[in-house]
C-alpha atoms as a PDB file:
ATOM      1  CA  MET A   1      87.478 124.683  93.029  1.00  0.00           C
ATOM      2  CA  SER A   2      87.797 120.922  93.293  1.00  0.00           C
ATOM      3  CA  LYS A   3      87.276 118.191  95.833  1.00  0.00           C
ATOM      4  CA  VAL A   4      89.468 115.131  96.213  1.00  0.00           C
ATOM      5  CA  ILE A   5      89.333 111.774  97.988  1.00  0.00           C
ATOM      6  CA  PHE A   6      92.810 110.399  98.706  1.00  0.00           C
ATOM      7  CA  LEU A   7      92.120 106.681  98.625  1.00  0.00           C
ATOM      8  CA  ASP A   8      94.080 103.888 100.219  1.00  0.00           C
ATOM      9  CA  VAL A   9      93.209 100.423  98.888  1.00  0.00           C
ATOM     10  CA  ASP A  10      94.303  97.710 101.355  1.00  0.00           C
ATOM     11  CA  GLY A  11      92.099  97.887 104.423  1.00  0.00           C
ATOM     12  CA  THR A  12      89.895 100.602 102.922  1.00  0.00           C
ATOM     13  CA  MET A  13      88.587  99.101  99.687  1.00  0.00           C
ATOM     14  CA  ILE A  14      89.875  95.553 100.263  1.00  0.00           C
ATOM     15  CA  PRO A  15      89.489  94.504 103.914  1.00  0.00           C
ATOM     16  CA  THR A  16      92.515  92.840 105.483  1.00  0.00           C
ATOM     17  CA  THR A  17      90.369  89.742 106.030  1.00  0.00           C
ATOM     18  CA  MET A  18      90.469  89.327 102.235  1.00  0.00           C
ATOM     19  CA  ALA A  19      94.266  89.411 101.908  1.00  0.00           C
ATOM     20  CA  GLU A  20      94.260  87.094  98.884  1.00  0.00           C
ATOM     21  CA  ALA A  21      91.988  89.557  97.061  1.00  0.00           C
ATOM     22  CA  SER A  22      94.606  92.275  97.411  1.00  0.00           C
ATOM     23  CA  TRP A  23      97.022  90.588  95.007  1.00  0.00           C
ATOM     24  CA  SER A  24      94.339  90.303  92.323  1.00  0.00           C
ATOM     25  CA  ARG A  25      92.817  93.687  93.186  1.00  0.00           C
ATOM     26  CA  ARG A  26      89.329  92.317  93.824  1.00  0.00           C
ATOM     27  CA  PHE A  27      87.131  94.799  95.677  1.00  0.00           C
ATOM     28  CA  LEU A  28      84.035  94.209  97.754  1.00  0.00           C
ATOM     29  CA  PRO A  29      81.145  95.298  95.508  1.00  0.00           C
ATOM     30  CA  GLU A  30      79.532  97.226  98.363  1.00  0.00           C
ATOM     31  CA  THR A  31      82.658  99.336  98.926  1.00  0.00           C
ATOM     32  CA  VAL A  32      82.748 100.302  95.242  1.00  0.00           C
ATOM     33  CA  LEU A  33      79.028 101.204  95.294  1.00  0.00           C
ATOM     34  CA  LEU A  34      79.551 103.330  98.403  1.00  0.00           C
ATOM     35  CA  LEU A  35      82.533 105.125  96.862  1.00  0.00           C
ATOM     36  CA  ASN A  36      80.406 105.856  93.766  1.00  0.00           C
ATOM     37  CA  GLU A  37      77.701 107.360  95.997  1.00  0.00           C
ATOM     38  CA  ILE A  38      80.188 109.495  97.904  1.00  0.00           C
ATOM     39  CA  CYS A  39      81.568 110.849  94.626  1.00  0.00           C
ATOM     40  CA  ILE A  40      78.099 111.512  93.186  1.00  0.00           C
ATOM     41  CA  VAL A  41      76.858 113.367  96.262  1.00  0.00           C
ATOM     42  CA  SER A  42      80.048 115.325  96.944  1.00  0.00           C
ATOM     43  CA  GLY A  43      81.371 115.903  93.431  1.00  0.00           C
ATOM     44  CA  ALA A  44      84.797 114.684  94.599  1.00  0.00           C
ATOM     45  CA  LYS A  45      87.344 112.892  92.430  1.00  0.00           C
ATOM     46  CA  VAL A  46      89.432 109.911  93.521  1.00  0.00           C
ATOM     47  CA  VAL A  47      93.231 110.140  93.779  1.00  0.00           C
ATOM     48  CA  PHE A  48      95.045 106.969  94.812  1.00  0.00           C
ATOM     49  CA  ASN A  49      97.385 107.223  97.817  1.00  0.00           C
ATOM     50  CA  THR A  50      98.338 103.580  98.052  1.00  0.00           C
ATOM     51  CA  THR A  51     101.031 101.017  97.371  1.00  0.00           C
ATOM     52  CA  HIS A  52      98.606  99.754  94.720  1.00  0.00           C
ATOM     53  CA  SER A  53      99.751 102.676  92.579  1.00  0.00           C
ATOM     54  CA  LEU A  54     102.696 100.436  91.738  1.00  0.00           C
ATOM     55  CA  PRO A  55     102.184  97.800  89.044  1.00  0.00           C
ATOM     56  CA  LEU A  56     101.553  94.228  90.168  1.00  0.00           C
ATOM     57  CA  GLU A  57     102.513  91.299  88.006  1.00  0.00           C
ATOM     58  CA  ASN A  58      99.448  89.583  86.494  1.00  0.00           C
ATOM     59  CA  ALA A  59      97.073  92.250  87.840  1.00  0.00           C
ATOM     60  CA  PRO A  60      95.496  95.235  86.107  1.00  0.00           C
ATOM     61  CA  ASP A  61      96.506  98.774  87.018  1.00  0.00           C
ATOM     62  CA  ILE A  62      94.586  99.957  90.059  1.00  0.00           C
ATOM     63  CA  GLU A  63      92.415 102.417  88.105  1.00  0.00           C
ATOM     64  CA  GLN A  64      91.523  99.751  85.528  1.00  0.00           C
ATOM     65  CA  ALA A  65      90.684  97.247  88.256  1.00  0.00           C
ATOM     66  CA  ILE A  66      88.373  99.557  90.197  1.00  0.00           C
ATOM     67  CA  VAL A  67      86.570 100.781  87.054  1.00  0.00           C
ATOM     68  CA  ALA A  68      86.137  97.193  85.818  1.00  0.00           C
ATOM     69  CA  GLN A  69      84.506  96.412  89.171  1.00  0.00           C
ATOM     70  CA  GLY A  70      82.007  99.251  89.049  1.00  0.00           C
ATOM     71  CA  LEU A  71      83.529 102.632  89.910  1.00  0.00           C
ATOM     72  CA  SER A  72      82.474 105.196  87.351  1.00  0.00           C
ATOM     73  CA  PRO A  73      85.533 106.437  85.444  1.00  0.00           C
ATOM     74  CA  ASN A  74      84.017 109.914  85.843  1.00  0.00           C
ATOM     75  CA  HIS A  75      84.954 109.718  89.531  1.00  0.00           C
ATOM     76  CA  LEU A  76      88.687 109.426  88.867  1.00  0.00           C
ATOM     77  CA  HIS A  77      90.833 112.553  88.887  1.00  0.00           C
ATOM     78  CA  VAL A  78      91.644 112.990  85.213  1.00  0.00           C
ATOM     79  CA  ALA A  79      94.722 115.200  85.438  1.00  0.00           C
ATOM     80  CA  ASP A  80      96.653 113.513  88.253  1.00  0.00           C
ATOM     81  CA  LEU A  81      95.315 110.159  89.415  1.00  0.00           C
ATOM     82  CA  LYS A  82      97.961 109.167  91.986  1.00  0.00           C
ATOM     83  CA  THR A  83     100.056 110.727  94.694  1.00  0.00           C
ATOM     84  CA  ARG A  84     103.744 109.914  94.620  1.00  0.00           C
ATOM     85  CA  TYR A  85     103.308 107.416  97.480  1.00  0.00           C
ATOM     86  CA  PRO A  86     105.140 105.036  97.909  1.00  0.00           C
ATOM     87  CA  GLU A  87     107.908 106.829  95.978  1.00  0.00           C
ATOM     88  CA  ILE A  88     107.533 109.433  98.729  1.00  0.00           C
ATOM     89  CA  LEU A  89     107.643 107.088 101.718  1.00  0.00           C
ATOM     90  CA  ASP A  90     105.423 109.180 103.961  1.00  0.00           C
ATOM     91  CA  ARG A  91     101.715 109.204 103.021  1.00  0.00           C
ATOM     92  CA  LYS A  92     101.171 112.579 104.636  1.00  0.00           C
ATOM     93  CA  ALA A  93     104.069 114.093 102.669  1.00  0.00           C
ATOM     94  CA  ALA A  94     102.734 112.513  99.453  1.00  0.00           C
ATOM     95  CA  VAL A  95      99.311 114.114 100.029  1.00  0.00           C
ATOM     96  CA  LYS A  96     100.896 117.478 100.816  1.00  0.00           C
ATOM     97  CA  GLU A  97     103.062 117.299  97.692  1.00  0.00           C
ATOM     98  CA  TRP A  98      99.996 116.485  95.544  1.00  0.00           C
ATOM     99  CA  LEU A  99      98.006 119.340  97.098  1.00  0.00           C
ATOM    100  CA  ASP A 100     100.899 121.754  96.553  1.00  0.00           C
ATOM    101  CA  ARG A 101     100.743 120.894  92.847  1.00  0.00           C
ATOM    102  CA  HIS A 102      96.952 121.353  92.797  1.00  0.00           C
ATOM    103  CA  PRO A 103      96.063 124.622  94.561  1.00  0.00           C
ATOM    104  CA  GLU A 104      92.600 124.467  92.944  1.00  0.00           C
ATOM    105  CA  THR A 105      91.728 121.696  95.419  1.00  0.00           C
ATOM    106  CA  THR A 106      89.646 123.374  98.096  1.00  0.00           C
ATOM    107  CA  GLU A 107      88.356 120.357 100.001  1.00  0.00           C
ATOM    108  CA  TRP A 108      89.796 116.930 100.497  1.00  0.00           C
ATOM    109  CA  VAL A 109      89.484 113.824 102.601  1.00  0.00           C
ATOM    110  CA  ALA A 110      91.770 110.829 103.062  1.00  0.00           C
ATOM    111  CA  LEU A 111      90.223 107.376 103.462  1.00  0.00           C
ATOM    112  CA  ASP A 112      92.784 105.114 105.095  1.00  0.00           C
ATOM    113  CA  ASP A 113      93.097 102.357 107.672  1.00  0.00           C
ATOM    114  CA  GLU A 114      96.333 103.884 108.996  1.00  0.00           C
ATOM    115  CA  PRO A 115      96.299 107.113 111.053  1.00  0.00           C
ATOM    116  CA  PHE A 116      99.003 108.708 108.890  1.00  0.00           C
ATOM    117  CA  THR A 117      97.965 112.265 109.743  1.00  0.00           C
ATOM    118  CA  GLU A 118      96.443 114.087 112.687  1.00  0.00           C
ATOM    119  CA  GLU A 119      94.497 116.365 110.351  1.00  0.00           C
ATOM    120  CA  SER A 120      90.724 116.303 110.601  1.00  0.00           C
ATOM    121  CA  ASN A 121      90.607 115.423 106.887  1.00  0.00           C
ATOM    122  CA  LEU A 122      91.312 111.769 107.675  1.00  0.00           C
ATOM    123  CA  VAL A 123      88.436 109.316 107.954  1.00  0.00           C
ATOM    124  CA  LEU A 124      89.947 106.298 109.654  1.00  0.00           C
ATOM    125  CA  ILE A 125      88.603 103.008 108.310  1.00  0.00           C
ATOM    126  CA  ASP A 126      88.672  99.730 110.242  1.00  0.00           C
ATOM    127  CA  GLY A 127      90.898  97.674 107.954  1.00  0.00           C
ATOM    128  CA  ARG A 128      89.166  94.428 108.880  1.00  0.00           C
ATOM    129  CA  ARG A 129      85.843  95.722 107.519  1.00  0.00           C
ATOM    130  CA  GLY A 130      86.737  98.336 104.923  1.00  0.00           C
ATOM    131  CA  LEU A 131      84.658 101.318 103.795  1.00  0.00           C
ATOM    132  CA  GLU A 132      81.121 101.044 105.198  1.00  0.00           C
ATOM    133  CA  PRO A 133      77.883 103.066 105.130  1.00  0.00           C
ATOM    134  CA  GLU A 134      78.722 104.607 108.534  1.00  0.00           C
ATOM    135  CA  HIS A 135      81.550 106.501 106.787  1.00  0.00           C
ATOM    136  CA  PHE A 136      79.267 108.204 104.257  1.00  0.00           C
ATOM    137  CA  LEU A 137      78.206 111.228 106.338  1.00  0.00           C
ATOM    138  CA  PRO A 138      81.625 112.006 107.844  1.00  0.00           C
ATOM    139  CA  VAL A 139      83.208 111.847 104.378  1.00  0.00           C
ATOM    140  CA  VAL A 140      80.675 114.029 102.557  1.00  0.00           C
ATOM    141  CA  ARG A 141      80.677 116.559 105.416  1.00  0.00           C
ATOM    142  CA  LEU A 142      84.452 116.898 105.142  1.00  0.00           C
ATOM    143  CA  LEU A 143      83.917 117.482 101.430  1.00  0.00           C
ATOM    144  CA  GLY A 144      81.665 120.448 102.166  1.00  0.00           C
ATOM    145  CA  LEU A 145      78.189 118.930 102.009  1.00  0.00           C
ATOM    146  CA  LYS A 146      75.810 120.520 104.497  1.00  0.00           C
ATOM    147  CA  MET A 147      72.905 118.442 105.722  1.00  0.00           C
ATOM    148  CA  GLU A 148      69.415 120.002 105.885  1.00  0.00           C
ATOM    149  CA  ASP A 149      69.408 119.988 109.688  1.00  0.00           C
ATOM    150  CA  GLU A 150      72.807 121.735 109.960  1.00  0.00           C
END
């Protein structure tokens, strides 16, 4: 049994209002802290589903950049850190292909600023603001966490 967060970067971890930060892969500290909390509470591992999976000249690899800025390396999926997006041009197909290769994944959520799937596993993020505290409960609920009052 495993839980996965399919993570988009632009708009989710780097708001579109910080476009220049995208090229250097600079994250808002509060988004990284929130992602750490989500992973701690849910036990989920991060898998990148982003164009940032591709190398950028003069920028660290996406996993190195996010760890250097505070994400615990324990929260990264060790065996298979990235979907095949954008090699597979459709994000939904890239997630499906990754899940097909990992049948042990029982719960998953996609954090993205694009509505690439109609599945209830998507938590749509306002790309101008990025991941925010209001997303915490919907994300951890999709990852199987039951609240005391539920």
